[in-house]
Amino acid sequence: MTADAVRRRVEEAVVDGWFRHPPEIVRVMSTAPTPAVARAFVYEWTKFSRRFPRWVGAVVSNCPHFDVIAFEVENLMSEVVRDPAAGTNHHELLIRLGTGAGSDRSTIEAHESSGAARDAFAWWWEMARQPDWLLGFTAINGLEILGDRALPRAYGLAQGTGLAPDPWAATGIAPDALEFFRVSDEADAGHGSETVDIIARYTPAERADEVLGVLDESMHRLRKMMDATWELAGALEQEERVGRR
């Protein structure tokens, strides 16, 4: 099996396992998002954002390949220090999104993750720390493939990633608060493609099934987390309706 064949299998796994039947909250974020959806997303995703750098660092600690390390370090700069396209890091952009959607920093930071998210976090931490860097990389960075807007289009699908800025303009959230989506949409389009390249380049033919199994499990964990986030969005919408009465 060539690297091109592995790449094709990775892409097909993501298209079939995610984009053909996305979580409901991703579908709504791609078409008709609301401020409550934004708040729910921020409440849960800030917890992911806090942990992601540690997972990436654990993968780096086990990886002997300089090109992969360079990719991860650049990734960490955007997440933790400053994205060149924004002037701040992705976590702060999430906080800005949440406040623009009607919340505040203390409420966002005090939010307790859903059980599905906590289970996923524990699994991603375990995968990142285990000695096989390729499996750790696939589990953690493989999630960035889900943000590659070009991938579903290449397979004839209209489904978006949920990160495209345009659908969010109708929510009434101020444009500067929506910068997270502009920056993430641009970053993940590149990171997702590069992640596929790295997995394809370093996966031996005899390990392709094993690596793809990890990718499938990672998407499954994220799907459960996003389903819980959708439930939270529904609860927040209900609170808004009661408050308006």
C-alpha atoms as a PDB file:
ATOM      1  CA  MET A   1       0.000   0.000   0.000  1.00  0.00           C
ATOM      2  CA  THR A   2       1.454   3.345  -1.071  1.00  0.00           C
ATOM      3  CA  ALA A   3       1.290   6.613   0.839  1.00  0.00           C
ATOM      4  CA  ASP A   4      -1.306   7.821  -1.677  1.00  0.00           C
ATOM      5  CA  ALA A   5      -3.441   4.793  -0.917  1.00  0.00           C
ATOM      6  CA  VAL A   6      -3.189   5.429   2.826  1.00  0.00           C
ATOM      7  CA  ARG A   7      -4.077   9.062   2.255  1.00  0.00           C
ATOM      8  CA  ARG A   8      -7.154   8.040   0.316  1.00  0.00           C
ATOM      9  CA  ARG A   9      -8.233   5.670   3.084  1.00  0.00           C
ATOM     10  CA  VAL A  10      -7.778   8.385   5.728  1.00  0.00           C
ATOM     11  CA  GLU A  11      -9.807  10.870   3.720  1.00  0.00           C
ATOM     12  CA  GLU A  12     -12.569   8.349   3.066  1.00  0.00           C
ATOM     13  CA  ALA A  13     -12.679   7.421   6.757  1.00  0.00           C
ATOM     14  CA  VAL A  14     -13.246  11.058   7.695  1.00  0.00           C
ATOM     15  CA  VAL A  15     -15.758  11.718   4.938  1.00  0.00           C
ATOM     16  CA  ASP A  16     -17.763   8.568   5.732  1.00  0.00           C
ATOM     17  CA  GLY A  17     -17.332   8.747   9.503  1.00  0.00           C
ATOM     18  CA  TRP A  18     -18.001  12.462   9.947  1.00  0.00           C
ATOM     19  CA  PHE A  19     -19.052  14.592   6.996  1.00  0.00           C
ATOM     20  CA  ARG A  20     -21.737  12.338   5.510  1.00  0.00           C
ATOM     21  CA  HIS A  21     -23.621  12.279   8.805  1.00  0.00           C
ATOM     22  CA  PRO A  22     -22.234  15.075  10.997  1.00  0.00           C
ATOM     23  CA  PRO A  23     -23.319  15.669  14.589  1.00  0.00           C
ATOM     24  CA  GLU A  24     -26.428  17.842  14.689  1.00  0.00           C
ATOM     25  CA  ILE A  25     -24.609  20.778  16.258  1.00  0.00           C
ATOM     26  CA  VAL A  26     -22.046  20.756  13.440  1.00  0.00           C
ATOM     27  CA  ARG A  27     -24.839  20.734  10.873  1.00  0.00           C
ATOM     28  CA  VAL A  28     -26.505  23.707  12.586  1.00  0.00           C
ATOM     29  CA  MET A  29     -23.217  25.590  12.973  1.00  0.00           C
ATOM     30  CA  SER A  30     -22.745  25.144   9.227  1.00  0.00           C
ATOM     31  CA  THR A  31     -26.189  26.422   8.285  1.00  0.00           C
ATOM     32  CA  ALA A  32     -28.199  28.336  10.893  1.00  0.00           C
ATOM     33  CA  PRO A  33     -26.271  28.874  14.151  1.00  0.00           C
ATOM     34  CA  THR A  34     -27.607  30.873  17.092  1.00  0.00           C
ATOM     35  CA  PRO A  35     -26.007  32.709  20.038  1.00  0.00           C
ATOM     36  CA  ALA A  36     -27.040  29.820  22.309  1.00  0.00           C
ATOM     37  CA  VAL A  37     -25.226  27.370  20.044  1.00  0.00           C
ATOM     38  CA  ALA A  38     -22.172  29.632  20.212  1.00  0.00           C
ATOM     39  CA  ARG A  39     -22.284  29.718  24.005  1.00  0.00           C
ATOM     40  CA  ALA A  40     -22.657  25.950  24.292  1.00  0.00           C
ATOM     41  CA  PHE A  41     -19.791  25.432  21.872  1.00  0.00           C
ATOM     42  CA  VAL A  42     -17.575  27.850  23.804  1.00  0.00           C
ATOM     43  CA  TYR A  43     -18.447  26.336  27.192  1.00  0.00           C
ATOM     44  CA  GLU A  44     -17.342  22.885  26.027  1.00  0.00           C
ATOM     45  CA  TRP A  45     -14.644  23.704  23.483  1.00  0.00           C
ATOM     46  CA  THR A  46     -12.647  25.959  25.814  1.00  0.00           C
ATOM     47  CA  LYS A  47     -12.037  22.861  27.932  1.00  0.00           C
ATOM     48  CA  PHE A  48     -10.752  21.038  24.854  1.00  0.00           C
ATOM     49  CA  SER A  49      -8.621  24.079  23.986  1.00  0.00           C
ATOM     50  CA  ARG A  50      -6.993  24.065  27.425  1.00  0.00           C
ATOM     51  CA  ARG A  51      -6.000  20.419  27.123  1.00  0.00           C
ATOM     52  CA  PHE A  52      -5.027  20.230  23.453  1.00  0.00           C
ATOM     53  CA  PRO A  53      -1.539  21.753  23.977  1.00  0.00           C
ATOM     54  CA  ARG A  54      -0.696  19.139  26.605  1.00  0.00           C
ATOM     55  CA  TRP A  55      -1.764  16.342  24.292  1.00  0.00           C
ATOM     56  CA  VAL A  56       0.301  17.761  21.446  1.00  0.00           C
ATOM     57  CA  GLY A  57       3.287  18.152  23.763  1.00  0.00           C
ATOM     58  CA  ALA A  58       2.993  14.510  24.798  1.00  0.00           C
ATOM     59  CA  VAL A  59       2.969  13.429  21.149  1.00  0.00           C
ATOM     60  CA  VAL A  60       6.068  15.536  20.473  1.00  0.00           C
ATOM     61  CA  SER A  61       7.884  13.961  23.412  1.00  0.00           C
ATOM     62  CA  ASN A  62       7.587  10.544  21.739  1.00  0.00           C
ATOM     63  CA  CYS A  63       8.200  11.588  18.131  1.00  0.00           C
ATOM     64  CA  PRO A  64      11.664  11.273  16.520  1.00  0.00           C
ATOM     65  CA  HIS A  65      10.765  12.998  13.239  1.00  0.00           C
ATOM     66  CA  PHE A  66      11.780  16.644  12.895  1.00  0.00           C
ATOM     67  CA  ASP A  67       9.126  17.522  10.312  1.00  0.00           C
ATOM     68  CA  VAL A  68       6.360  16.271  12.595  1.00  0.00           C
ATOM     69  CA  ILE A  69       7.826  18.111  15.579  1.00  0.00           C
ATOM     70  CA  ALA A  70       8.002  21.328  13.535  1.00  0.00           C
ATOM     71  CA  PHE A  71       4.353  20.926  12.529  1.00  0.00           C
ATOM     72  CA  GLU A  72       3.319  20.419  16.147  1.00  0.00           C
ATOM     73  CA  VAL A  73       5.347  23.361  17.461  1.00  0.00           C
ATOM     74  CA  GLU A  74       3.759  25.669  14.892  1.00  0.00           C
ATOM     75  CA  ASN A  75       0.393  24.296  15.962  1.00  0.00           C
ATOM     76  CA  LEU A  76       1.144  25.052  19.597  1.00  0.00           C
ATOM     77  CA  MET A  77       2.150  28.617  18.804  1.00  0.00           C
ATOM     78  CA  SER A  78      -1.291  29.316  17.355  1.00  0.00           C
ATOM     79  CA  GLU A  79      -3.135  27.580  20.165  1.00  0.00           C
ATOM     80  CA  VAL A  80      -1.156  28.898  23.125  1.00  0.00           C
ATOM     81  CA  VAL A  81       0.835  31.996  22.164  1.00  0.00           C
ATOM     82  CA  ARG A  82      -0.437  33.861  19.110  1.00  0.00           C
ATOM     83  CA  ASP A  83      -1.956  33.024  15.765  1.00  0.00           C
ATOM     84  CA  PRO A  84      -0.316  35.311  13.177  1.00  0.00           C
ATOM     85  CA  ALA A  85      -3.729  35.843  11.587  1.00  0.00           C
ATOM     86  CA  ALA A  86      -5.286  37.135  14.792  1.00  0.00           C
ATOM     87  CA  GLY A  87      -2.729  38.648  17.154  1.00  0.00           C
ATOM     88  CA  THR A  88      -3.786  36.383  20.007  1.00  0.00           C
ATOM     89  CA  ASN A  89      -4.236  32.673  20.694  1.00  0.00           C
ATOM     90  CA  HIS A  90      -7.199  30.476  19.868  1.00  0.00           C
ATOM     91  CA  HIS A  91      -8.295  30.121  23.488  1.00  0.00           C
ATOM     92  CA  GLU A  92      -8.670  33.867  23.880  1.00  0.00           C
ATOM     93  CA  LEU A  93     -10.603  34.015  20.627  1.00  0.00           C
ATOM     94  CA  LEU A  94     -13.010  31.453  22.096  1.00  0.00           C
ATOM     95  CA  ILE A  95     -13.480  33.604  25.193  1.00  0.00           C
ATOM     96  CA  ARG A  96     -14.174  36.590  22.934  1.00  0.00           C
ATOM     97  CA  LEU A  97     -16.746  34.538  21.015  1.00  0.00           C
ATOM     98  CA  GLY A  98     -18.476  33.499  24.225  1.00  0.00           C
ATOM     99  CA  THR A  99     -18.682  37.033  25.576  1.00  0.00           C
ATOM    100  CA  GLY A 100     -19.959  38.257  22.209  1.00  0.00           C
ATOM    101  CA  ALA A 101     -22.684  35.611  22.400  1.00  0.00           C
ATOM    102  CA  GLY A 102     -23.875  36.864  25.769  1.00  0.00           C
ATOM    103  CA  SER A 103     -21.728  35.088  28.345  1.00  0.00           C
ATOM    104  CA  ASP A 104     -18.682  36.252  30.310  1.00  0.00           C
ATOM    105  CA  ARG A 105     -15.218  34.917  31.091  1.00  0.00           C
ATOM    106  CA  SER A 106     -15.985  33.761  34.625  1.00  0.00           C
ATOM    107  CA  THR A 107     -19.060  31.808  33.516  1.00  0.00           C
ATOM    108  CA  ILE A 108     -17.178  30.246  30.625  1.00  0.00           C
ATOM    109  CA  GLU A 109     -14.245  29.211  32.787  1.00  0.00           C
ATOM    110  CA  ALA A 110     -16.468  27.904  35.592  1.00  0.00           C
ATOM    111  CA  HIS A 111     -18.447  25.635  33.263  1.00  0.00           C
ATOM    112  CA  GLU A 112     -18.034  21.933  34.015  1.00  0.00           C
ATOM    113  CA  SER A 113     -17.521  19.738  30.972  1.00  0.00           C
ATOM    114  CA  SER A 114     -20.092  17.123  30.058  1.00  0.00           C
ATOM    115  CA  GLY A 115     -19.481  13.508  30.997  1.00  0.00           C
ATOM    116  CA  ALA A 116     -18.911  12.667  27.333  1.00  0.00           C
ATOM    117  CA  ALA A 117     -16.262  15.366  27.116  1.00  0.00           C
ATOM    118  CA  ARG A 118     -14.509  14.191  30.275  1.00  0.00           C
ATOM    119  CA  ASP A 119     -14.434  10.622  28.959  1.00  0.00           C
ATOM    120  CA  ALA A 120     -13.026  11.846  25.638  1.00  0.00           C
ATOM    121  CA  PHE A 121     -10.403  13.990  27.353  1.00  0.00           C
ATOM    122  CA  ALA A 122      -9.221  11.022  29.397  1.00  0.00           C
ATOM    123  CA  TRP A 123      -8.923   8.868  26.271  1.00  0.00           C
ATOM    124  CA  TRP A 124      -7.064  11.551  24.275  1.00  0.00           C
ATOM    125  CA  TRP A 125      -4.637  12.099  27.147  1.00  0.00           C
ATOM    126  CA  GLU A 126      -3.979   8.364  27.370  1.00  0.00           C
ATOM    127  CA  MET A 127      -3.445   8.110  23.608  1.00  0.00           C
ATOM    128  CA  ALA A 128      -1.159  11.136  23.499  1.00  0.00           C
ATOM    129  CA  ARG A 129       1.092   9.798  26.258  1.00  0.00           C
ATOM    130  CA  GLN A 130       1.476   6.207  25.076  1.00  0.00           C
ATOM    131  CA  PRO A 131       4.854   5.490  23.401  1.00  0.00           C
ATOM    132  CA  ASP A 132       3.665   5.053  19.809  1.00  0.00           C
ATOM    133  CA  TRP A 133       3.784   8.617  18.492  1.00  0.00           C
ATOM    134  CA  LEU A 134       1.924   7.724  15.275  1.00  0.00           C
ATOM    135  CA  LEU A 135      -1.112   6.481  17.166  1.00  0.00           C
ATOM    136  CA  GLY A 136      -0.988   9.498  19.465  1.00  0.00           C
ATOM    137  CA  PHE A 137      -0.693  11.861  16.522  1.00  0.00           C
ATOM    138  CA  THR A 138      -3.600  10.175  14.741  1.00  0.00           C
ATOM    139  CA  ALA A 139      -5.814  10.368  17.828  1.00  0.00           C
ATOM    140  CA  ILE A 140      -5.058  14.028  18.562  1.00  0.00           C
ATOM    141  CA  ASN A 141      -4.158  15.739  15.317  1.00  0.00           C
ATOM    142  CA  GLY A 142      -6.507  13.550  13.328  1.00  0.00           C
ATOM    143  CA  LEU A 143      -9.313  15.695  14.736  1.00  0.00           C
ATOM    144  CA  GLU A 144      -7.985  18.644  12.766  1.00  0.00           C
ATOM    145  CA  ILE A 145      -8.883  16.859   9.533  1.00  0.00           C
ATOM    146  CA  LEU A 146     -12.517  17.490  10.481  1.00  0.00           C
ATOM    147  CA  GLY A 147     -11.850  21.208  10.039  1.00  0.00           C
ATOM    148  CA  ASP A 148     -10.583  20.904   6.464  1.00  0.00           C
ATOM    149  CA  ARG A 149     -13.329  22.604   4.459  1.00  0.00           C
ATOM    150  CA  ALA A 150     -11.871  21.332   1.169  1.00  0.00           C
ATOM    151  CA  LEU A 151     -12.260  17.663   2.081  1.00  0.00           C
ATOM    152  CA  PRO A 152     -16.057  17.236   1.929  1.00  0.00           C
ATOM    153  CA  ARG A 153     -16.165  19.304  -1.254  1.00  0.00           C
ATOM    154  CA  ALA A 154     -13.602  17.024  -2.870  1.00  0.00           C
ATOM    155  CA  TYR A 155     -15.997  14.130  -2.277  1.00  0.00           C
ATOM    156  CA  GLY A 156     -19.054  15.954  -3.608  1.00  0.00           C
ATOM    157  CA  LEU A 157     -20.581  16.911  -0.247  1.00  0.00           C
ATOM    158  CA  ALA A 158     -22.042  20.281   0.690  1.00  0.00           C
ATOM    159  CA  GLN A 159     -21.632  19.733   4.435  1.00  0.00           C
ATOM    160  CA  GLY A 160     -19.445  22.341   6.109  1.00  0.00           C
ATOM    161  CA  THR A 161     -17.150  22.063   9.088  1.00  0.00           C
ATOM    162  CA  GLY A 162     -19.096  24.433  11.341  1.00  0.00           C
ATOM    163  CA  LEU A 163     -16.118  26.803  11.369  1.00  0.00           C
ATOM    164  CA  ALA A 164     -16.950  28.870   8.281  1.00  0.00           C
ATOM    165  CA  PRO A 165     -17.604  32.492   9.351  1.00  0.00           C
ATOM    166  CA  ASP A 166     -20.410  33.337   6.908  1.00  0.00           C
ATOM    167  CA  PRO A 167     -23.344  31.484   8.560  1.00  0.00           C
ATOM    168  CA  TRP A 168     -22.543  33.169  11.854  1.00  0.00           C
ATOM    169  CA  ALA A 169     -23.057  36.690  10.511  1.00  0.00           C
ATOM    170  CA  ALA A 170     -26.840  36.324  10.874  1.00  0.00           C
ATOM    171  CA  THR A 171     -26.642  35.638  14.629  1.00  0.00           C
ATOM    172  CA  GLY A 172     -26.102  39.281  15.532  1.00  0.00           C
ATOM    173  CA  ILE A 173     -22.825  38.473  17.266  1.00  0.00           C
ATOM    174  CA  ALA A 174     -20.344  41.288  16.637  1.00  0.00           C
ATOM    175  CA  PRO A 175     -17.855  40.605  13.822  1.00  0.00           C
ATOM    176  CA  ASP A 176     -14.813  40.923  16.095  1.00  0.00           C
ATOM    177  CA  ALA A 177     -16.261  38.226  18.377  1.00  0.00           C
ATOM    178  CA  LEU A 178     -16.611  35.904  15.381  1.00  0.00           C
ATOM    179  CA  GLU A 179     -12.902  36.083  14.610  1.00  0.00           C
ATOM    180  CA  PHE A 180     -12.427  32.623  16.118  1.00  0.00           C
ATOM    181  CA  PHE A 181     -14.269  31.125  13.163  1.00  0.00           C
ATOM    182  CA  ARG A 182     -12.307  33.045  10.551  1.00  0.00           C
ATOM    183  CA  VAL A 183      -8.978  32.119  12.101  1.00  0.00           C
ATOM    184  CA  SER A 184      -9.904  28.492  12.820  1.00  0.00           C
ATOM    185  CA  ASP A 185     -11.400  27.993   9.371  1.00  0.00           C
ATOM    186  CA  GLU A 186      -8.147  29.150   7.790  1.00  0.00           C
ATOM    187  CA  ALA A 187      -5.853  27.280  10.186  1.00  0.00           C
ATOM    188  CA  ASP A 188      -7.681  23.951  10.129  1.00  0.00           C
ATOM    189  CA  ALA A 189      -7.936  23.943   6.344  1.00  0.00           C
ATOM    190  CA  GLY A 190      -4.139  23.791   6.280  1.00  0.00           C
ATOM    191  CA  HIS A 191      -3.593  21.698   9.401  1.00  0.00           C
ATOM    192  CA  GLY A 192      -6.103  19.089   8.308  1.00  0.00           C
ATOM    193  CA  SER A 193      -4.442  18.504   4.964  1.00  0.00           C
ATOM    194  CA  GLU A 194      -0.970  18.430   6.521  1.00  0.00           C
ATOM    195  CA  THR A 195      -2.172  15.940   9.121  1.00  0.00           C
ATOM    196  CA  VAL A 196      -3.370  13.595   6.394  1.00  0.00           C
ATOM    197  CA  ASP A 197       0.022  13.957   4.669  1.00  0.00           C
ATOM    198  CA  ILE A 198       1.895  13.049   7.860  1.00  0.00           C
ATOM    199  CA  ILE A 199      -0.295  10.039   8.642  1.00  0.00           C
ATOM    200  CA  ALA A 200       0.041   8.795   5.060  1.00  0.00           C
ATOM    201  CA  ARG A 201       3.795   9.331   5.005  1.00  0.00           C
ATOM    202  CA  TYR A 202       4.549   7.493   8.233  1.00  0.00           C
ATOM    203  CA  THR A 203       1.964   4.695   8.220  1.00  0.00           C
ATOM    204  CA  PRO A 204       3.405   1.381   6.953  1.00  0.00           C
ATOM    205  CA  ALA A 205       0.991  -0.667   4.883  1.00  0.00           C
ATOM    206  CA  GLU A 206       0.777  -3.339   7.555  1.00  0.00           C
ATOM    207  CA  ARG A 207      -0.340  -0.771  10.154  1.00  0.00           C
ATOM    208  CA  ALA A 208      -2.970   1.038   8.097  1.00  0.00           C
ATOM    209  CA  ASP A 209      -5.918  -0.759   9.720  1.00  0.00           C
ATOM    210  CA  GLU A 210      -4.560  -0.078  13.195  1.00  0.00           C
ATOM    211  CA  VAL A 211      -4.068   3.633  12.503  1.00  0.00           C
ATOM    212  CA  LEU A 212      -7.476   3.997  10.865  1.00  0.00           C
ATOM    213  CA  GLY A 213      -9.042   2.267  13.850  1.00  0.00           C
ATOM    214  CA  VAL A 214      -7.594   4.940  16.138  1.00  0.00           C
ATOM    215  CA  LEU A 215      -8.899   7.686  13.853  1.00  0.00           C
ATOM    216  CA  ASP A 216     -12.374   6.121  13.893  1.00  0.00           C
ATOM    217  CA  GLU A 217     -12.334   5.921  17.683  1.00  0.00           C
ATOM    218  CA  SER A 218     -11.219   9.528  17.987  1.00  0.00           C
ATOM    219  CA  MET A 219     -14.063  10.705  15.755  1.00  0.00           C
ATOM    220  CA  HIS A 220     -16.482   8.581  17.784  1.00  0.00           C
ATOM    221  CA  ARG A 221     -15.325  10.220  21.008  1.00  0.00           C
ATOM    222  CA  LEU A 222     -15.670  13.683  19.514  1.00  0.00           C
ATOM    223  CA  ARG A 223     -19.124  12.884  18.151  1.00  0.00           C
ATOM    224  CA  LYS A 224     -20.343  11.960  21.634  1.00  0.00           C
ATOM    225  CA  MET A 225     -18.866  15.187  22.992  1.00  0.00           C
ATOM    226  CA  MET A 226     -20.570  17.234  20.275  1.00  0.00           C
ATOM    227  CA  ASP A 227     -23.887  15.470  20.866  1.00  0.00           C
ATOM    228  CA  ALA A 228     -23.662  16.499  24.519  1.00  0.00           C
ATOM    229  CA  THR A 229     -22.854  20.049  23.416  1.00  0.00           C
ATOM    230  CA  TRP A 230     -25.986  20.044  21.259  1.00  0.00           C
ATOM    231  CA  GLU A 231     -28.039  19.029  24.306  1.00  0.00           C
ATOM    232  CA  LEU A 232     -26.493  21.925  26.215  1.00  0.00           C
ATOM    233  CA  ALA A 233     -27.381  24.313  23.387  1.00  0.00           C
ATOM    234  CA  GLY A 234     -30.997  23.144  23.598  1.00  0.00           C
ATOM    235  CA  ALA A 235     -31.054  23.818  27.334  1.00  0.00           C
ATOM    236  CA  LEU A 236     -29.617  27.299  26.802  1.00  0.00           C
ATOM    237  CA  GLU A 237     -32.198  28.014  24.091  1.00  0.00           C
ATOM    238  CA  GLN A 238     -34.948  26.956  26.506  1.00  0.00           C
ATOM    239  CA  GLU A 239     -33.571  29.289  29.186  1.00  0.00           C
ATOM    240  CA  GLU A 240     -33.660  32.137  26.673  1.00  0.00           C
ATOM    241  CA  ARG A 241     -37.284  31.429  25.781  1.00  0.00           C
ATOM    242  CA  VAL A 242     -38.310  31.359  29.452  1.00  0.00           C
ATOM    243  CA  GLY A 243     -36.409  34.596  30.058  1.00  0.00           C
ATOM    244  CA  ARG A 244     -38.236  36.358  27.249  1.00  0.00           C
ATOM    245  CA  ARG A 245     -41.686  35.524  28.635  1.00  0.00           C
END
